[in-house]
Amino acid sequence: MEKETETIKIEPKCSKQIEETKCICSACGNIWFYGKEEVRESKLDNMHNLGKSMMCCGGCFPALLIPNKKGIDLNKCPKCGSKAIKKEIIVHNV
């Protein structure tokens, strides 16, 4: 009698995965990438501006002197400014 052998594939274990978003502009064809760090910075800038606006509504005069932060618009092409973009998530195994 022959013994049945089971083949087990051993794949290299990836220690880290990097996830980023690939954007393609439909208007000019520009391709760019952004990661979760840019998303975090954009959200923090928007929260800063929201907090400043709420302080101004409450009558806090010094809040008028706080400058607005210019956040990165991740839904707009940095080259031509078009909002007609396509996004896809890319995962890299490192």
C-alpha atoms as a PDB file:
ATOM      1  CA  MET A   1       0.000   0.000   0.000  1.00  0.00           C
ATOM      2  CA  GLU A   2       1.182   3.416  -0.895  1.00  0.00           C
ATOM      3  CA  LYS A   3       0.921   6.184   1.602  1.00  0.00           C
ATOM      4  CA  GLU A   4      -0.819   9.296   0.445  1.00  0.00           C
ATOM      5  CA  THR A   5       1.272  12.352   0.912  1.00  0.00           C
ATOM      6  CA  GLU A   6      -0.181  15.772   1.314  1.00  0.00           C
ATOM      7  CA  THR A   7       1.660  18.676  -0.200  1.00  0.00           C
ATOM      8  CA  ILE A   8       1.733  21.770   1.915  1.00  0.00           C
ATOM      9  CA  LYS A   9       2.765  25.007   0.305  1.00  0.00           C
ATOM     10  CA  ILE A  10       4.792  27.222   2.528  1.00  0.00           C
ATOM     11  CA  GLU A  11       4.462  30.799   1.478  1.00  0.00           C
ATOM     12  CA  PRO A  12       6.832  33.417   2.807  1.00  0.00           C
ATOM     13  CA  LYS A  13       5.243  35.184   5.714  1.00  0.00           C
ATOM     14  CA  CYS A  14       4.947  38.893   5.065  1.00  0.00           C
ATOM     15  CA  SER A  15       5.848  40.941   8.066  1.00  0.00           C
ATOM     16  CA  LYS A  16       4.115  44.121   6.958  1.00  0.00           C
ATOM     17  CA  GLN A  17       1.511  45.344   4.502  1.00  0.00           C
ATOM     18  CA  ILE A  18       1.461  48.881   3.199  1.00  0.00           C
ATOM     19  CA  GLU A  19      -1.842  50.158   1.887  1.00  0.00           C
ATOM     20  CA  GLU A  20      -2.066  53.211  -0.336  1.00  0.00           C
ATOM     21  CA  THR A  21      -4.602  54.720  -2.695  1.00  0.00           C
ATOM     22  CA  LYS A  22      -3.865  55.113  -6.393  1.00  0.00           C
ATOM     23  CA  CYS A  23      -5.703  57.972  -8.081  1.00  0.00           C
ATOM     24  CA  ILE A  24      -6.079  58.506 -11.820  1.00  0.00           C
ATOM     25  CA  CYS A  25      -7.404  61.810 -13.157  1.00  0.00           C
ATOM     26  CA  SER A  26      -9.975  61.322 -15.914  1.00  0.00           C
ATOM     27  CA  ALA A  27      -9.338  64.807 -17.314  1.00  0.00           C
ATOM     28  CA  CYS A  28      -5.539  64.934 -17.692  1.00  0.00           C
ATOM     29  CA  GLY A  29      -4.447  61.325 -17.029  1.00  0.00           C
ATOM     30  CA  ASN A  30      -2.247  62.238 -14.053  1.00  0.00           C
ATOM     31  CA  ILE A  31      -1.500  59.347 -11.668  1.00  0.00           C
ATOM     32  CA  TRP A  32      -0.650  59.918  -8.006  1.00  0.00           C
ATOM     33  CA  PHE A  33      -0.652  57.965  -4.770  1.00  0.00           C
ATOM     34  CA  TYR A  34      -1.433  58.806  -1.158  1.00  0.00           C
ATOM     35  CA  GLY A  35      -1.305  56.810   2.045  1.00  0.00           C
ATOM     36  CA  LYS A  36      -2.987  56.851   5.406  1.00  0.00           C
ATOM     37  CA  GLU A  37      -0.617  59.557   6.695  1.00  0.00           C
ATOM     38  CA  GLU A  38      -1.955  62.052   4.127  1.00  0.00           C
ATOM     39  CA  VAL A  39      -5.536  61.079   5.026  1.00  0.00           C
ATOM     40  CA  ARG A  40      -4.767  61.668   8.716  1.00  0.00           C
ATOM     41  CA  GLU A  41      -3.174  65.068   8.036  1.00  0.00           C
ATOM     42  CA  SER A  42      -6.136  66.135   5.903  1.00  0.00           C
ATOM     43  CA  LYS A  43      -8.614  65.171   8.632  1.00  0.00           C
ATOM     44  CA  LEU A  44      -6.568  66.947  11.322  1.00  0.00           C
ATOM     45  CA  ASP A  45      -6.440  70.147   9.263  1.00  0.00           C
ATOM     46  CA  ASN A  46     -10.206  70.022   8.727  1.00  0.00           C
ATOM     47  CA  MET A  47     -10.797  69.470  12.469  1.00  0.00           C
ATOM     48  CA  HIS A  48      -8.524  72.425  13.282  1.00  0.00           C
ATOM     49  CA  ASN A  49     -10.517  74.695  10.984  1.00  0.00           C
ATOM     50  CA  LEU A  50     -13.811  73.423  12.413  1.00  0.00           C
ATOM     51  CA  GLY A  51     -12.667  74.116  15.980  1.00  0.00           C
ATOM     52  CA  LYS A  52     -11.583  77.632  14.994  1.00  0.00           C
ATOM     53  CA  SER A  53     -14.950  78.304  13.362  1.00  0.00           C
ATOM     54  CA  MET A  54     -16.834  77.082  16.433  1.00  0.00           C
ATOM     55  CA  MET A  55     -14.789  79.362  18.694  1.00  0.00           C
ATOM     56  CA  CYS A  56     -15.585  82.332  16.435  1.00  0.00           C
ATOM     57  CA  CYS A  57     -19.322  81.548  16.603  1.00  0.00           C
ATOM     58  CA  GLY A  58     -19.100  81.608  20.391  1.00  0.00           C
ATOM     59  CA  GLY A  59     -17.737  85.155  20.333  1.00  0.00           C
ATOM     60  CA  CYS A  60     -14.084  84.373  21.019  1.00  0.00           C
ATOM     61  CA  PHE A  61     -12.264  87.298  19.383  1.00  0.00           C
ATOM     62  CA  PRO A  62      -8.705  85.823  19.587  1.00  0.00           C
ATOM     63  CA  ALA A  63      -9.917  82.890  17.472  1.00  0.00           C
ATOM     64  CA  LEU A  64     -10.085  85.304  14.525  1.00  0.00           C
ATOM     65  CA  LEU A  65      -6.318  85.666  14.713  1.00  0.00           C
ATOM     66  CA  ILE A  66      -5.678  81.915  14.370  1.00  0.00           C
ATOM     67  CA  PRO A  67      -4.795  81.178  10.734  1.00  0.00           C
ATOM     68  CA  ASN A  68      -6.743  78.576   8.768  1.00  0.00           C
ATOM     69  CA  LYS A  69      -4.809  75.450   7.815  1.00  0.00           C
ATOM     70  CA  LYS A  70      -4.725  74.687   4.124  1.00  0.00           C
ATOM     71  CA  GLY A  71      -5.645  71.012   3.982  1.00  0.00           C
ATOM     72  CA  ILE A  72      -4.891  68.766   1.037  1.00  0.00           C
ATOM     73  CA  ASP A  73      -8.004  67.943  -0.983  1.00  0.00           C
ATOM     74  CA  LEU A  74      -7.558  64.236  -1.677  1.00  0.00           C
ATOM     75  CA  ASN A  75     -10.562  64.190  -4.035  1.00  0.00           C
ATOM     76  CA  LYS A  76      -8.974  66.610  -6.489  1.00  0.00           C
ATOM     77  CA  CYS A  77      -6.174  66.245  -9.040  1.00  0.00           C
ATOM     78  CA  PRO A  78      -3.078  68.162  -7.830  1.00  0.00           C
ATOM     79  CA  LYS A  79      -2.070  68.891 -11.431  1.00  0.00           C
ATOM     80  CA  CYS A  80      -5.255  70.240 -13.076  1.00  0.00           C
ATOM     81  CA  GLY A  81      -7.689  70.576 -10.141  1.00  0.00           C
ATOM     82  CA  SER A  82     -10.345  68.277 -11.632  1.00  0.00           C
ATOM     83  CA  LYS A  83     -12.546  66.247  -9.290  1.00  0.00           C
ATOM     84  CA  ALA A  84     -13.147  63.585 -11.960  1.00  0.00           C
ATOM     85  CA  ILE A  85     -10.814  60.948 -10.526  1.00  0.00           C
ATOM     86  CA  LYS A  86     -10.859  57.199 -10.128  1.00  0.00           C
ATOM     87  CA  LYS A  87      -9.451  55.600  -6.970  1.00  0.00           C
ATOM     88  CA  GLU A  88      -8.259  52.104  -6.208  1.00  0.00           C
ATOM     89  CA  ILE A  89      -6.591  50.694  -3.116  1.00  0.00           C
ATOM     90  CA  ILE A  90      -3.173  49.091  -3.622  1.00  0.00           C
ATOM     91  CA  VAL A  91      -1.659  46.749  -0.999  1.00  0.00           C
ATOM     92  CA  HIS A  92       2.104  46.120  -0.977  1.00  0.00           C
ATOM     93  CA  ASN A  93       3.587  43.237   1.002  1.00  0.00           C
ATOM     94  CA  VAL A  94       6.919  44.226   2.478  1.00  0.00           C
END
